[in-house]
PDB file of N, CA and C in Angstrom:
ATOM      1  N   MET A   1     -10.188 -66.352 172.998  1.00  0.00           N
ATOM      2  CA  MET A   1      -8.982 -65.533 172.693  1.00  0.00           C
ATOM      3  C   MET A   1      -8.815 -65.491 171.199  1.00  0.00           C
ATOM      4  N   GLY A   2      -8.985 -66.571 170.519  1.00  0.00           N
ATOM      5  CA  GLY A   2      -8.765 -66.625 169.122  1.00  0.00           C
ATOM      6  C   GLY A   2      -9.738 -65.697 168.325  1.00  0.00           C
ATOM      7  N   ASP A   3     -10.970 -65.630 168.860  1.00  0.00           N
ATOM      8  CA  ASP A   3     -11.996 -64.768 168.173  1.00  0.00           C
ATOM      9  C   ASP A   3     -11.587 -63.277 168.317  1.00  0.00           C
ATOM     10  N   VAL A   4     -10.999 -62.889 169.381  1.00  0.00           N
ATOM     11  CA  VAL A   4     -10.570 -61.490 169.536  1.00  0.00           C
ATOM     12  C   VAL A   4      -9.463 -61.150 168.540  1.00  0.00           C
ATOM     13  N   ILE A   5      -8.511 -62.061 168.335  1.00  0.00           N
ATOM     14  CA  ILE A   5      -7.438 -61.782 167.357  1.00  0.00           C
ATOM     15  C   ILE A   5      -8.013 -61.676 165.952  1.00  0.00           C
ATOM     16  N   VAL A   6      -8.896 -62.601 165.583  1.00  0.00           N
ATOM     17  CA  VAL A   6      -9.443 -62.580 164.270  1.00  0.00           C
ATOM     18  C   VAL A   6     -10.294 -61.347 164.012  1.00  0.00           C
ATOM     19  N   GLN A   7     -11.037 -60.922 165.038  1.00  0.00           N
ATOM     20  CA  GLN A   7     -11.798 -59.719 164.912  1.00  0.00           C
ATOM     21  C   GLN A   7     -10.910 -58.481 164.809  1.00  0.00           C
ATOM     22  N   SER A   8      -9.784 -58.406 165.572  1.00  0.00           N
ATOM     23  CA  SER A   8      -8.862 -57.296 165.510  1.00  0.00           C
ATOM     24  C   SER A   8      -8.256 -57.246 164.129  1.00  0.00           C
ATOM     25  N   LEU A   9      -7.752 -58.442 163.577  1.00  0.00           N
ATOM     26  CA  LEU A   9      -7.178 -58.427 162.248  1.00  0.00           C
ATOM     27  C   LEU A   9      -8.149 -57.974 161.179  1.00  0.00           C
ATOM     28  N   SER A  10      -9.423 -58.468 161.360  1.00  0.00           N
ATOM     29  CA  SER A  10     -10.387 -58.020 160.289  1.00  0.00           C
ATOM     30  C   SER A  10     -10.684 -56.537 160.381  1.00  0.00           C
ATOM     31  N   MET A  11     -10.664 -55.937 161.610  1.00  0.00           N
ATOM     32  CA  MET A  11     -10.897 -54.550 161.728  1.00  0.00           C
ATOM     33  C   MET A  11      -9.727 -53.700 161.127  1.00  0.00           C
ATOM     34  N   TYR A  12      -8.475 -54.225 161.366  1.00  0.00           N
ATOM     35  CA  TYR A  12      -7.288 -53.555 160.766  1.00  0.00           C
ATOM     36  C   TYR A  12      -7.388 -53.669 159.251  1.00  0.00           C
ATOM     37  N   GLY A  13      -7.813 -54.833 158.725  1.00  0.00           N
ATOM     38  CA  GLY A  13      -7.945 -54.962 157.307  1.00  0.00           C
ATOM     39  C   GLY A  13      -8.936 -54.084 156.742  1.00  0.00           C
ATOM     40  N   LEU A  14     -10.104 -53.876 157.402  1.00  0.00           N
ATOM     41  CA  LEU A  14     -11.130 -52.979 156.974  1.00  0.00           C
ATOM     42  C   LEU A  14     -10.643 -51.542 156.933  1.00  0.00           C
ATOM     43  N   MET A  15      -9.856 -51.087 158.007  1.00  0.00           N
ATOM     44  CA  MET A  15      -9.319 -49.771 158.064  1.00  0.00           C
ATOM     45  C   MET A  15      -8.306 -49.544 156.931  1.00  0.00           C
ATOM     46  N   ILE A  16      -7.525 -50.554 156.594  1.00  0.00           N
ATOM     47  CA  ILE A  16      -6.551 -50.440 155.465  1.00  0.00           C
ATOM     48  C   ILE A  16      -7.300 -50.269 154.194  1.00  0.00           C
ATOM     49  N   CYS A  17      -8.390 -51.022 153.949  1.00  0.00           N
ATOM     50  CA  CYS A  17      -9.137 -50.946 152.719  1.00  0.00           C
ATOM     51  C   CYS A  17      -9.799 -49.508 152.590  1.00  0.00           C
ATOM     52  N   VAL A  18     -10.316 -48.968 153.745  1.00  0.00           N
ATOM     53  CA  VAL A  18     -10.943 -47.664 153.724  1.00  0.00           C
ATOM     54  C   VAL A  18      -9.901 -46.605 153.406  1.00  0.00           C
ATOM     55  N   ALA A  19      -8.688 -46.760 153.972  1.00  0.00           N
ATOM     56  CA  ALA A  19      -7.621 -45.744 153.742  1.00  0.00           C
ATOM     57  C   ALA A  19      -7.161 -45.748 152.325  1.00  0.00           C
ATOM     58  N   VAL A  20      -7.042 -46.963 151.730  1.00  0.00           N
ATOM     59  CA  VAL A  20      -6.621 -47.088 150.329  1.00  0.00           C
ATOM     60  C   VAL A  20      -7.688 -46.435 149.396  1.00  0.00           C
ATOM     61  N   LEU A  21      -8.957 -46.776 149.695  1.00  0.00           N
ATOM     62  CA  LEU A  21     -10.011 -46.216 148.877  1.00  0.00           C
ATOM     63  C   LEU A  21     -10.074 -44.691 148.977  1.00  0.00           C
ATOM     64  N   ALA A  22      -9.830 -44.182 150.148  1.00  0.00           N
ATOM     65  CA  ALA A  22      -9.800 -42.673 150.326  1.00  0.00           C
ATOM     66  C   ALA A  22      -8.648 -42.104 149.504  1.00  0.00           C
ATOM     67  N   ALA A  23      -7.478 -42.734 149.563  1.00  0.00           N
ATOM     68  CA  ALA A  23      -6.278 -42.190 148.802  1.00  0.00           C
ATOM     69  C   ALA A  23      -6.588 -42.247 147.316  1.00  0.00           C
ATOM     70  N   VAL A  24      -7.180 -43.320 146.856  1.00  0.00           N
ATOM     71  CA  VAL A  24      -7.503 -43.440 145.399  1.00  0.00           C
ATOM     72  C   VAL A  24      -8.519 -42.341 145.031  1.00  0.00           C
ATOM     73  N   LEU A  25      -9.528 -42.140 145.879  1.00  0.00           N
ATOM     74  CA  LEU A  25     -10.517 -41.117 145.557  1.00  0.00           C
ATOM     75  C   LEU A  25      -9.931 -39.729 145.489  1.00  0.00           C
ATOM     76  N   ILE A  26      -9.007 -39.432 146.476  1.00  0.00           N
ATOM     77  CA  ILE A  26      -8.350 -38.106 146.469  1.00  0.00           C
ATOM     78  C   ILE A  26      -7.502 -37.923 145.265  1.00  0.00           C
ATOM     79  N   ARG A  27      -6.832 -38.994 144.834  1.00  0.00           N
ATOM     80  CA  ARG A  27      -5.971 -38.946 143.579  1.00  0.00           C
ATOM     81  C   ARG A  27      -6.855 -38.675 142.361  1.00  0.00           C
ATOM     82  N   LEU A  28      -8.001 -39.326 142.289  1.00  0.00           N
ATOM     83  CA  LEU A  28      -8.897 -39.092 141.141  1.00  0.00           C
ATOM     84  C   LEU A  28      -9.377 -37.685 141.097  1.00  0.00           C
ATOM     85  N   ILE A  29      -9.693 -37.141 142.340  1.00  0.00           N
ATOM     86  CA  ILE A  29     -10.133 -35.767 142.362  1.00  0.00           C
ATOM     87  C   ILE A  29      -9.073 -34.797 141.867  1.00  0.00           C
ATOM     88  N   VAL A  30      -7.816 -35.043 142.297  1.00  0.00           N
ATOM     89  CA  VAL A  30      -6.685 -34.212 141.847  1.00  0.00           C
ATOM     90  C   VAL A  30      -6.501 -34.263 140.382  1.00  0.00           C
ATOM     91  N   ILE A  31      -6.531 -35.490 139.820  1.00  0.00           N
ATOM     92  CA  ILE A  31      -6.415 -35.624 138.347  1.00  0.00           C
ATOM     93  C   ILE A  31      -7.453 -34.904 137.620  1.00  0.00           C
ATOM     94  N   THR A  32      -8.730 -35.021 138.077  1.00  0.00           N
ATOM     95  CA  THR A  32      -9.849 -34.352 137.444  1.00  0.00           C
ATOM     96  C   THR A  32      -9.717 -32.819 137.518  1.00  0.00           C
ATOM     97  N   LEU A  33      -9.265 -32.279 138.642  1.00  0.00           N
ATOM     98  CA  LEU A  33      -9.060 -30.862 138.777  1.00  0.00           C
ATOM     99  C   LEU A  33      -7.978 -30.354 137.909  1.00  0.00           C
ATOM    100  N   GLU A  34      -6.860 -31.094 137.768  1.00  0.00           N
ATOM    101  CA  GLU A  34      -5.810 -30.738 136.846  1.00  0.00           C
ATOM    102  C   GLU A  34      -6.261 -30.685 135.465  1.00  0.00           C
ATOM    103  N   TRP A  35      -7.041 -31.670 135.062  1.00  0.00           N
ATOM    104  CA  TRP A  35      -7.589 -31.765 133.658  1.00  0.00           C
ATOM    105  C   TRP A  35      -8.431 -30.568 133.360  1.00  0.00           C
ATOM    106  N   VAL A  36      -9.329 -30.225 134.336  1.00  0.00           N
ATOM    107  CA  VAL A  36     -10.242 -29.074 134.171  1.00  0.00           C
ATOM    108  C   VAL A  36      -9.444 -27.779 134.070  1.00  0.00           C
ATOM    109  N   HIS A  37      -8.414 -27.638 134.879  1.00  0.00           N
ATOM    110  CA  HIS A  37      -7.545 -26.431 134.850  1.00  0.00           C
ATOM    111  C   HIS A  37      -6.846 -26.326 133.535  1.00  0.00           C
ATOM    112  N   ARG A  38      -6.334 -27.409 132.996  1.00  0.00           N
ATOM    113  CA  ARG A  38      -5.675 -27.401 131.651  1.00  0.00           C
ATOM    114  C   ARG A  38      -6.688 -27.005 130.534  1.00  0.00           C
ATOM    115  N   GLN A  39      -7.844 -27.560 130.656  1.00  0.00           N
ATOM    116  CA  GLN A  39      -8.904 -27.206 129.587  1.00  0.00           C
ATOM    117  C   GLN A  39      -9.270 -25.699 129.643  1.00  0.00           C
ATOM    118  N   GLN A  40      -9.361 -25.201 130.879  1.00  0.00           N
ATOM    119  CA  GLN A  40      -9.699 -23.713 130.975  1.00  0.00           C
ATOM    120  C   GLN A  40      -8.565 -22.892 130.486  1.00  0.00           C
ATOM    121  N   ALA A  41      -7.295 -23.297 130.789  1.00  0.00           N
ATOM    122  CA  ALA A  41      -6.150 -22.522 130.291  1.00  0.00           C
ATOM    123  C   ALA A  41      -6.054 -22.594 128.777  1.00  0.00           C
ATOM    124  N   ALA A  42      -6.388 -23.723 128.152  1.00  0.00           N
ATOM    125  CA  ALA A  42      -6.356 -23.836 126.719  1.00  0.00           C
ATOM    126  C   ALA A  42      -7.482 -22.914 126.090  1.00  0.00           C
ATOM    127  N   ARG A  43      -8.649 -22.883 126.712  1.00  0.00           N
ATOM    128  CA  ARG A  43      -9.662 -22.013 126.199  1.00  0.00           C
ATOM    129  C   ARG A  43      -9.275 -20.517 126.309  1.00  0.00           C
ATOM    130  N   LYS A  44      -8.665 -20.150 127.436  1.00  0.00           N
ATOM    131  CA  LYS A  44      -8.243 -18.768 127.587  1.00  0.00           C
ATOM    132  C   LYS A  44      -7.135 -18.427 126.624  1.00  0.00           C
ATOM    133  N   ALA A  45      -6.214 -19.338 126.333  1.00  0.00           N
ATOM    134  CA  ALA A  45      -5.171 -19.089 125.415  1.00  0.00           C
ATOM    135  C   ALA A  45      -5.733 -18.922 123.983  1.00  0.00           C
ATOM    136  N   LYS A  46      -6.724 -19.644 123.618  1.00  0.00           N
ATOM    137  CA  LYS A  46      -7.329 -19.534 122.319  1.00  0.00           C
ATOM    138  C   LYS A  46      -8.080 -18.189 122.188  1.00  0.00           C
ATOM    139  N   ALA A  47      -8.756 -17.829 123.224  1.00  0.00           N
ATOM    140  CA  ALA A  47      -9.628 -16.638 123.207  1.00  0.00           C
ATOM    141  C   ALA A  47      -8.841 -15.318 123.443  1.00  0.00           C
ATOM    142  N   ALA A  48      -7.698 -15.395 123.997  1.00  0.00           N
ATOM    143  CA  ALA A  48      -6.928 -14.176 124.340  1.00  0.00           C
ATOM    144  C   ALA A  48      -6.361 -13.542 123.092  1.00  0.00           C
ATOM    145  N   PRO A  49      -6.490 -12.221 122.945  1.00  0.00           N
ATOM    146  CA  PRO A  49      -5.824 -11.563 121.744  1.00  0.00           C
ATOM    147  C   PRO A  49      -4.366 -11.601 121.897  1.00  0.00           C
ATOM    148  N   ALA A  50      -3.643 -11.351 120.776  1.00  0.00           N
ATOM    149  CA  ALA A  50      -2.240 -11.297 120.757  1.00  0.00           C
ATOM    150  C   ALA A  50      -1.789 -10.042 121.551  1.00  0.00           C
ATOM    151  N   PRO A  51      -0.750 -10.143 122.379  1.00  0.00           N
ATOM    152  CA  PRO A  51      -0.323  -8.995 123.142  1.00  0.00           C
ATOM    153  C   PRO A  51       0.267  -7.895 122.243  1.00  0.00           C
ATOM    154  N   VAL A  52       0.053  -6.699 122.592  1.00  0.00           N
ATOM    155  CA  VAL A  52       0.474  -5.593 121.871  1.00  0.00           C
ATOM    156  C   VAL A  52       1.909  -5.221 122.394  1.00  0.00           C
ATOM    157  N   ALA A  53       2.902  -5.168 121.563  1.00  0.00           N
ATOM    158  CA  ALA A  53       4.257  -4.975 121.997  1.00  0.00           C
ATOM    159  C   ALA A  53       4.567  -3.454 122.047  1.00  0.00           C
ATOM    160  N   ALA A  54       3.943  -2.629 121.250  1.00  0.00           N
ATOM    161  CA  ALA A  54       4.279  -1.258 121.247  1.00  0.00           C
ATOM    162  C   ALA A  54       3.547  -0.476 122.336  1.00  0.00           C
ATOM    163  N   ALA A  55       4.278   0.309 123.136  1.00  0.00           N
ATOM    164  CA  ALA A  55       3.738   1.053 124.222  1.00  0.00           C
ATOM    165  C   ALA A  55       4.098   2.527 123.944  1.00  0.00           C
ATOM    166  N   ALA A  56       3.294   3.377 124.463  1.00  0.00           N
ATOM    167  CA  ALA A  56       3.538   4.806 124.361  1.00  0.00           C
ATOM    168  C   ALA A  56       4.837   5.235 125.211  1.00  0.00           C
ATOM    169  N   PRO A  57       5.659   6.032 124.635  1.00  0.00           N
ATOM    170  CA  PRO A  57       6.820   6.443 125.393  1.00  0.00           C
ATOM    171  C   PRO A  57       6.391   7.387 126.464  1.00  0.00           C
ATOM    172  N   PRO A  58       7.073   7.398 127.629  1.00  0.00           N
ATOM    173  CA  PRO A  58       6.750   8.329 128.709  1.00  0.00           C
ATOM    174  C   PRO A  58       7.033   9.743 128.299  1.00  0.00           C
ATOM    175  N   PRO A  59       6.405  10.682 128.921  1.00  0.00           N
ATOM    176  CA  PRO A  59       6.694  12.068 128.540  1.00  0.00           C
ATOM    177  C   PRO A  59       8.163  12.466 128.866  1.00  0.00           C
ATOM    178  N   ALA A  60       8.766  13.294 128.060  1.00  0.00           N
ATOM    179  CA  ALA A  60      10.107  13.614 128.266  1.00  0.00           C
ATOM    180  C   ALA A  60      10.400  14.531 129.427  1.00  0.00           C
ATOM    181  N   ALA A  61       9.311  15.209 129.886  1.00  0.00           N
ATOM    182  CA  ALA A  61       9.478  16.153 131.021  1.00  0.00           C
ATOM    183  C   ALA A  61       9.479  15.380 132.332  1.00  0.00           C
ATOM    184  N   ALA A  62       9.110  14.116 132.380  1.00  0.00           N
ATOM    185  CA  ALA A  62       9.073  13.405 133.634  1.00  0.00           C
ATOM    186  C   ALA A  62      10.427  13.376 134.328  1.00  0.00           C
ATOM    187  N   VAL A  63      11.445  12.885 133.601  1.00  0.00           N
ATOM    188  CA  VAL A  63      12.849  12.932 134.122  1.00  0.00           C
ATOM    189  C   VAL A  63      13.685  13.618 133.021  1.00  0.00           C
ATOM    190  N   PRO A  64      14.068  14.810 133.257  1.00  0.00           N
ATOM    191  CA  PRO A  64      14.717  15.559 132.189  1.00  0.00           C
ATOM    192  C   PRO A  64      16.086  15.052 131.862  1.00  0.00           C
ATOM    193  N   ASP A  65      16.838  14.460 132.831  1.00  0.00           N
ATOM    194  CA  ASP A  65      18.221  14.079 132.547  1.00  0.00           C
ATOM    195  C   ASP A  65      18.375  12.524 132.236  1.00  0.00           C
ATOM    196  N   MET A  66      17.305  11.845 131.949  1.00  0.00           N
ATOM    197  CA  MET A  66      17.364  10.426 131.661  1.00  0.00           C
ATOM    198  C   MET A  66      17.375  10.278 130.170  1.00  0.00           C
ATOM    199  N   SER A  67      18.319   9.406 129.668  1.00  0.00           N
ATOM    200  CA  SER A  67      18.436   9.205 128.270  1.00  0.00           C
ATOM    201  C   SER A  67      17.561   7.975 127.849  1.00  0.00           C
ATOM    202  N   ALA A  68      17.364   7.838 126.571  1.00  0.00           N
ATOM    203  CA  ALA A  68      16.578   6.719 126.122  1.00  0.00           C
ATOM    204  C   ALA A  68      17.243   5.395 126.445  1.00  0.00           C
ATOM    205  N   ASP A  69      18.596   5.327 126.476  1.00  0.00           N
ATOM    206  CA  ASP A  69      19.300   4.167 126.830  1.00  0.00           C
ATOM    207  C   ASP A  69      19.031   3.712 128.241  1.00  0.00           C
ATOM    208  N   ASP A  70      19.021   4.735 129.136  1.00  0.00           N
ATOM    209  CA  ASP A  70      18.738   4.442 130.546  1.00  0.00           C
ATOM    210  C   ASP A  70      17.356   3.890 130.733  1.00  0.00           C
ATOM    211  N   LEU A  71      16.390   4.481 130.039  1.00  0.00           N
ATOM    212  CA  LEU A  71      14.955   4.041 130.137  1.00  0.00           C
ATOM    213  C   LEU A  71      14.870   2.613 129.518  1.00  0.00           C
ATOM    214  N   ALA A  72      15.561   2.314 128.493  1.00  0.00           N
ATOM    215  CA  ALA A  72      15.546   0.990 127.909  1.00  0.00           C
ATOM    216  C   ALA A  72      16.180  -0.047 128.935  1.00  0.00           C
ATOM    217  N   ALA A  73      17.187   0.296 129.584  1.00  0.00           N
ATOM    218  CA  ALA A  73      17.816  -0.552 130.585  1.00  0.00           C
ATOM    219  C   ALA A  73      16.887  -0.828 131.752  1.00  0.00           C
ATOM    220  N   ILE A  74      16.206   0.212 132.185  1.00  0.00           N
ATOM    221  CA  ILE A  74      15.279   0.049 133.275  1.00  0.00           C
ATOM    222  C   ILE A  74      14.062  -0.803 132.852  1.00  0.00           C
ATOM    223  N   SER A  75      13.572  -0.647 131.677  1.00  0.00           N
ATOM    224  CA  SER A  75      12.490  -1.404 131.166  1.00  0.00           C
ATOM    225  C   SER A  75      12.934  -2.900 131.037  1.00  0.00           C
ATOM    226  N   ALA A  76      14.128  -3.154 130.565  1.00  0.00           N
ATOM    227  CA  ALA A  76      14.581  -4.527 130.413  1.00  0.00           C
ATOM    228  C   ALA A  76      14.782  -5.155 131.797  1.00  0.00           C
ATOM    229  N   ALA A  77      15.256  -4.430 132.772  1.00  0.00           N
ATOM    230  CA  ALA A  77      15.411  -4.977 134.121  1.00  0.00           C
ATOM    231  C   ALA A  77      14.078  -5.310 134.689  1.00  0.00           C
ATOM    232  N   VAL A  78      13.059  -4.420 134.571  1.00  0.00           N
ATOM    233  CA  VAL A  78      11.744  -4.676 135.077  1.00  0.00           C
ATOM    234  C   VAL A  78      11.156  -5.929 134.395  1.00  0.00           C
ATOM    235  N   TYR A  79      11.304  -6.047 133.111  1.00  0.00           N
ATOM    236  CA  TYR A  79      10.788  -7.204 132.345  1.00  0.00           C
ATOM    237  C   TYR A  79      11.449  -8.482 132.820  1.00  0.00           C
ATOM    238  N   ALA A  80      12.756  -8.461 133.089  1.00  0.00           N
ATOM    239  CA  ALA A  80      13.471  -9.653 133.516  1.00  0.00           C
ATOM    240  C   ALA A  80      13.022 -10.094 134.925  1.00  0.00           C
ATOM    241  N   ILE A  81      12.711  -9.128 135.746  1.00  0.00           N
ATOM    242  CA  ILE A  81      12.346  -9.454 137.138  1.00  0.00           C
ATOM    243  C   ILE A  81      10.887  -9.719 137.264  1.00  0.00           C
ATOM    244  N   VAL A  82      10.025  -8.826 136.764  1.00  0.00           N
ATOM    245  CA  VAL A  82       8.609  -8.916 136.997  1.00  0.00           C
ATOM    246  C   VAL A  82       7.876  -9.738 135.849  1.00  0.00           C
ATOM    247  N   GLY A  83       8.302  -9.549 134.670  1.00  0.00           N
ATOM    248  CA  GLY A  83       7.633 -10.167 133.517  1.00  0.00           C
ATOM    249  C   GLY A  83       7.057  -9.127 132.668  1.00  0.00           C
ATOM    250  N   ALA A  84       6.023  -9.496 131.850  1.00  0.00           N
ATOM    251  CA  ALA A  84       5.460  -8.596 130.867  1.00  0.00           C
ATOM    252  C   ALA A  84       4.589  -7.524 131.570  1.00  0.00           C
ATOM    253  N   HIS A  85       5.137  -6.394 131.879  1.00  0.00           N
ATOM    254  CA  HIS A  85       4.385  -5.295 132.442  1.00  0.00           C
ATOM    255  C   HIS A  85       4.769  -4.063 131.677  1.00  0.00           C
ATOM    256  N   ARG A  86       3.921  -3.057 131.789  1.00  0.00           N
ATOM    257  CA  ARG A  86       4.168  -1.810 131.037  1.00  0.00           C
ATOM    258  C   ARG A  86       4.559  -0.752 132.103  1.00  0.00           C
ATOM    259  N   LEU A  87       5.667  -0.052 131.842  1.00  0.00           N
ATOM    260  CA  LEU A  87       6.080   1.087 132.698  1.00  0.00           C
ATOM    261  C   LEU A  87       5.187   2.264 132.395  1.00  0.00           C
ATOM    262  N   VAL A  88       4.547   2.845 133.420  1.00  0.00           N
ATOM    263  CA  VAL A  88       3.648   3.921 133.111  1.00  0.00           C
ATOM    264  C   VAL A  88       4.482   5.261 133.243  1.00  0.00           C
ATOM    265  N   ARG A  89       5.268   5.333 134.308  1.00  0.00           N
ATOM    266  CA  ARG A  89       5.986   6.546 134.485  1.00  0.00           C
ATOM    267  C   ARG A  89       7.329   6.317 135.213  1.00  0.00           C
ATOM    268  N   VAL A  90       8.382   6.989 134.808  1.00  0.00           N
ATOM    269  CA  VAL A  90       9.652   6.891 135.470  1.00  0.00           C
ATOM    270  C   VAL A  90      10.012   8.309 135.810  1.00  0.00           C
ATOM    271  N   GLU A  91      10.095   8.643 137.090  1.00  0.00           N
ATOM    272  CA  GLU A  91      10.426  10.004 137.558  1.00  0.00           C
ATOM    273  C   GLU A  91      11.155   9.939 138.827  1.00  0.00           C
ATOM    274  N   LEU A  92      11.755  11.088 139.145  1.00  0.00           N
ATOM    275  CA  LEU A  92      12.468  11.223 140.428  1.00  0.00           C
ATOM    276  C   LEU A  92      11.389  11.389 141.536  1.00  0.00           C
ATOM    277  N   PRO A  93      11.631  10.945 142.738  1.00  0.00           N
ATOM    278  CA  PRO A  93      10.692  11.125 143.835  1.00  0.00           C
ATOM    279  C   PRO A  93      10.433  12.607 144.096  1.00  0.00           C
ATOM    280  N   ALA A  94       9.250  12.887 144.497  1.00  0.00           N
ATOM    281  CA  ALA A  94       8.796  14.344 144.720  1.00  0.00           C
ATOM    282  C   ALA A  94       9.277  14.825 146.078  1.00  0.00           C
ATOM    283  N   TYR A  95       9.661  13.982 146.969  1.00  0.00           N
ATOM    284  CA  TYR A  95      10.099  14.446 148.297  1.00  0.00           C
ATOM    285  C   TYR A  95      11.631  14.503 148.291  1.00  0.00           C
ATOM    286  N   GLY A  96      12.120  15.323 149.244  1.00  0.00           N
ATOM    287  CA  GLY A  96      13.595  15.457 149.327  1.00  0.00           C
ATOM    288  C   GLY A  96      14.102  14.735 150.598  1.00  0.00           C
ATOM    289  N   ALA A  97      15.314  15.162 150.977  1.00  0.00           N
ATOM    290  CA  ALA A  97      15.985  14.593 152.122  1.00  0.00           C
ATOM    291  C   ALA A  97      15.375  15.020 153.400  1.00  0.00           C
ATOM    292  N   GLY A  98      14.620  16.056 153.383  1.00  0.00           N
ATOM    293  CA  GLY A  98      14.046  16.617 154.627  1.00  0.00           C
ATOM    294  C   GLY A  98      13.192  15.627 155.391  1.00  0.00           C
ATOM    295  N   TRP A  99      12.365  14.862 154.673  1.00  0.00           N
ATOM    296  CA  TRP A  99      11.570  13.867 155.290  1.00  0.00           C
ATOM    297  C   TRP A  99      12.387  12.798 155.977  1.00  0.00           C
ATOM    298  N   ARG A 100      13.442  12.334 155.314  1.00  0.00           N
ATOM    299  CA  ARG A 100      14.286  11.319 155.866  1.00  0.00           C
ATOM    300  C   ARG A 100      15.005  11.857 157.121  1.00  0.00           C
ATOM    301  N   ALA A 101      15.476  13.020 157.003  1.00  0.00           N
ATOM    302  CA  ALA A 101      16.207  13.669 158.128  1.00  0.00           C
ATOM    303  C   ALA A 101      15.270  13.831 159.323  1.00  0.00           C
ATOM    304  N   ALA A 102      14.039  14.312 159.096  1.00  0.00           N
ATOM    305  CA  ALA A 102      13.089  14.486 160.199  1.00  0.00           C
ATOM    306  C   ALA A 102      12.723  13.220 160.856  1.00  0.00           C
ATOM    307  N   GLY A 103      12.511  12.172 160.092  1.00  0.00           N
ATOM    308  CA  GLY A 103      12.208  10.860 160.591  1.00  0.00           C
ATOM    309  C   GLY A 103      13.362  10.257 161.366  1.00  0.00           C
ATOM    310  N   ARG A 104      14.550  10.509 160.899  1.00  0.00           N
ATOM    311  CA  ARG A 104      15.781   9.966 161.563  1.00  0.00           C
ATOM    312  C   ARG A 104      15.905  10.628 162.972  1.00  0.00           C
ATOM    313  N   ILE A 105      15.713  12.025 162.970  1.00  0.00           N
ATOM    314  CA  ILE A 105      15.834  12.742 164.234  1.00  0.00           C
ATOM    315  C   ILE A 105      14.748  12.296 165.254  1.00  0.00           C
ATOM    316  N   MET A 106      13.537  12.124 164.764  1.00  0.00           N
ATOM    317  CA  MET A 106      12.517  11.659 165.680  1.00  0.00           C
ATOM    318  C   MET A 106      12.808  10.245 166.226  1.00  0.00           C
ATOM    319  N   HIS A 107      13.367   9.421 165.404  1.00  0.00           N
ATOM    320  CA  HIS A 107      13.731   8.129 165.860  1.00  0.00           C
ATOM    321  C   HIS A 107      14.803   8.132 166.864  1.00  0.00           C
ATOM    322  N   HIS A 108      15.866   8.912 166.605  1.00  0.00           N
ATOM    323  CA  HIS A 108      16.944   8.948 167.558  1.00  0.00           C
ATOM    324  C   HIS A 108      16.611   9.569 168.905  1.00  0.00           C
ATOM    325  N   THR A 109      15.841  10.659 168.826  1.00  0.00           N
ATOM    326  CA  THR A 109      15.434  11.376 170.049  1.00  0.00           C
ATOM    327  C   THR A 109      14.448  10.578 170.862  1.00  0.00           C
ATOM    328  N   SER A 110      13.741   9.661 170.266  1.00  0.00           N
ATOM    329  CA  SER A 110      12.769   8.811 171.002  1.00  0.00           C
ATOM    330  C   SER A 110      13.528   7.816 171.943  1.00  0.00           C
ATOM    331  N   HIS A 111      14.763   7.524 171.641  1.00  0.00           N
ATOM    332  CA  HIS A 111      15.539   6.666 172.513  1.00  0.00           C
ATOM    333  C   HIS A 111      16.498   7.386 173.434  1.00  0.00           C
ATOM    334  N   ALA A 112      16.556   8.675 173.354  1.00  0.00           N
ATOM    335  CA  ALA A 112      17.550   9.438 174.125  1.00  0.00           C
ATOM    336  C   ALA A 112      17.200   9.404 175.576  1.00  0.00           C
ATOM    337  N   ILE A 113      18.289   9.323 176.366  1.00  0.00           N
ATOM    338  CA  ILE A 113      18.134   9.435 177.835  1.00  0.00           C
ATOM    339  C   ILE A 113      17.936  10.918 178.212  1.00  0.00           C
ATOM    340  N   THR A 114      17.078  11.195 179.082  1.00  0.00           N
ATOM    341  CA  THR A 114      16.838  12.608 179.416  1.00  0.00           C
ATOM    342  C   THR A 114      18.092  13.131 180.136  1.00  0.00           C
ATOM    343  N   ARG A 115      18.444  14.346 179.840  1.00  0.00           N
ATOM    344  CA  ARG A 115      19.655  15.018 180.341  1.00  0.00           C
ATOM    345  C   ARG A 115      19.389  15.981 181.467  1.00  0.00           C
ATOM    346  N   GLY A 116      18.429  15.714 182.295  1.00  0.00           N
ATOM    347  CA  GLY A 116      18.096  16.600 183.337  1.00  0.00           C
ATOM    348  C   GLY A 116      18.912  16.267 184.630  1.00  0.00           C
ATOM    349  N   PRO A 117      18.577  16.957 185.711  1.00  0.00           N
ATOM    350  CA  PRO A 117      19.293  16.682 186.966  1.00  0.00           C
ATOM    351  C   PRO A 117      19.006  15.258 187.431  1.00  0.00           C
ATOM    352  N   ARG A 118      19.955  14.654 188.034  1.00  0.00           N
ATOM    353  CA  ARG A 118      19.821  13.278 188.446  1.00  0.00           C
ATOM    354  C   ARG A 118      19.102  13.250 189.802  1.00  0.00           C
ATOM    355  N   ARG A 119      18.213  12.305 189.979  1.00  0.00           N
ATOM    356  CA  ARG A 119      17.570  12.087 191.219  1.00  0.00           C
ATOM    357  C   ARG A 119      18.346  11.040 192.044  1.00  0.00           C
ATOM    358  N   PRO A 120      18.465  11.261 193.283  1.00  0.00           N
ATOM    359  CA  PRO A 120      19.235  10.335 194.137  1.00  0.00           C
ATOM    360  C   PRO A 120      18.428   9.005 194.260  1.00  0.00           C
ATOM    361  N   ASN A 121      19.119   7.924 194.256  1.00  0.00           N
ATOM    362  CA  ASN A 121      18.464   6.625 194.420  1.00  0.00           C
ATOM    363  C   ASN A 121      18.130   6.388 195.900  1.00  0.00           C
ATOM    364  N   PRO A 122      16.871   6.021 196.165  1.00  0.00           N
ATOM    365  CA  PRO A 122      16.536   5.766 197.588  1.00  0.00           C
ATOM    366  C   PRO A 122      17.119   4.538 198.152  1.00  0.00           C
TER     367      PRO A 122
END
């Protein structure tokens, strides 16, 4: 009986050692990958050219009633939410309310109960 207990304890000890070694190995792999990622980011930062701040203004005919202040406010909002991106075009949508109304009618009529003569229940 004593040999079984000693063998069980030695197996538990061996499993604990293997688990600790696996955890240490995983931690070393994570540290190495973080170091490699930082090195690559530093190389990209050194090689990347300075960002160009000036962008071409959008054509004035795109939105005839939009002022420069409105466009600046939209640009600032996009920069605050999304980050450093360039607005290519700001314009009113090309479609009107007809598409929305047609879609709304199709949706409502798809759920409508038919208004025909009632059939008697058997």
